[in-house]
Amino acid sequence: MLKAAEIAISMDGKGAWRDNVFVERLWRTVKYEEVYLRAYTGVSEARASISRYFGFYNRTRPHSSLGGQTPDQAYDQPMPIPAAA
């Protein structure tokens, strides 16, 4: 059907699965550690609770992929200044 409509499917360029893998992992974590554990009464409560979770995720929760550091610890460090030649 796709060939008949001259639709090409490619996973090698822009739009490849690997472009979204990090975002998909993040949202999986958010769902399992926050959303599925709460019974929100409305959108505003959900938004506030998820916002608090992102603060926890970035400032408090250690990440194994960052050597046990939080994202704030790993990414908010000043860059070293290279020595002049």
Protein backbone atom coordinates (compact mmCIF):
# COMPACT_ATOMS: atom_id res chain seq x y z
CA MET A 1 0.00 0.00 0.00
CA LEU A 2 2.81 2.42 0.87
CA LYS A 3 4.71 1.64 -2.31
CA ALA A 4 1.56 2.17 -4.35
CA ALA A 5 1.18 5.63 -2.77
CA GLU A 6 4.90 6.28 -3.37
CA ILE A 7 5.57 6.69 0.35
CA ALA A 8 9.14 5.88 1.42
CA ILE A 9 9.89 4.67 4.93
CA SER A 10 13.37 5.53 6.16
CA MET A 11 14.85 5.31 9.60
CA ASP A 12 18.30 6.56 8.56
CA GLY A 13 17.85 10.30 8.39
CA LYS A 14 15.95 12.97 10.26
CA GLY A 15 13.12 11.35 12.21
CA ALA A 16 15.06 8.19 12.98
CA TRP A 17 14.19 6.30 16.16
CA ARG A 18 17.46 7.32 17.82
CA ASP A 19 16.47 10.98 17.63
CA ASN A 20 13.74 10.39 20.20
CA VAL A 21 15.27 7.66 22.37
CA PHE A 22 16.40 10.02 25.15
CA VAL A 23 13.07 11.84 25.33
CA GLU A 24 11.21 8.52 25.33
CA ARG A 25 13.36 7.29 28.24
CA LEU A 26 12.72 10.52 30.14
CA TRP A 27 8.94 10.27 29.73
CA ARG A 28 9.01 6.59 30.70
CA THR A 29 10.75 7.59 33.94
CA VAL A 30 8.29 10.42 34.56
CA LYS A 31 5.33 8.08 34.04
CA TYR A 32 6.63 5.29 36.29
CA GLU A 33 8.07 7.46 39.07
CA GLU A 34 5.42 10.19 39.16
CA VAL A 35 2.29 9.95 37.02
CA TYR A 36 1.29 6.33 37.67
CA LEU A 37 1.75 6.81 41.44
CA ARG A 38 -0.62 9.77 41.74
CA ALA A 39 -4.34 10.30 41.40
CA TYR A 40 -4.52 13.87 40.12
CA THR A 41 -7.82 15.67 40.57
CA GLY A 42 -7.28 17.88 37.53
CA VAL A 43 -4.89 19.24 34.96
CA SER A 44 -3.59 22.05 37.21
CA GLU A 45 -2.73 19.57 39.97
CA ALA A 46 -1.02 17.25 37.48
CA ARG A 47 0.96 20.14 36.00
CA ALA A 48 2.12 21.33 39.44
CA SER A 49 3.05 17.83 40.59
CA ILE A 50 4.96 16.98 37.41
CA SER A 51 6.74 20.34 37.65
CA ARG A 52 7.84 19.47 41.20
CA TYR A 53 9.00 16.06 39.95
CA PHE A 54 11.22 17.68 37.29
CA GLY A 55 12.82 19.77 40.03
CA PHE A 56 13.50 16.56 41.98
CA TYR A 57 14.70 14.80 38.81
CA ASN A 58 17.22 17.53 37.99
CA ARG A 59 18.37 18.61 41.47
CA THR A 60 18.02 15.61 43.80
CA ARG A 61 17.67 12.28 41.97
CA PRO A 62 21.05 10.67 41.20
CA HIS A 63 21.47 9.24 37.69
CA SER A 64 23.56 6.15 37.08
CA SER A 65 24.44 7.35 33.57
CA LEU A 66 25.99 10.47 35.17
CA GLY A 67 28.08 8.53 37.68
CA GLY A 68 25.59 9.05 40.52
CA GLN A 69 25.40 12.80 39.99
CA THR A 70 22.26 14.79 39.40
CA PRO A 71 21.87 16.56 36.04
CA ASP A 72 22.42 19.90 37.80
CA GLN A 73 25.70 18.64 39.28
CA ALA A 74 26.87 17.13 36.01
CA TYR A 75 25.99 20.00 33.69
CA ASP A 76 26.26 23.13 35.85
CA GLN A 77 30.00 22.87 36.37
CA PRO A 78 32.10 25.65 34.87
CA MET A 79 34.02 24.69 31.77
CA PRO A 80 37.80 24.58 32.20
CA ILE A 81 39.68 27.43 30.52
CA PRO A 82 42.29 26.06 28.12
CA ALA A 83 45.84 27.25 28.61
CA ALA A 84 47.13 29.73 26.06
CA ALA A 85 49.56 28.32 23.53
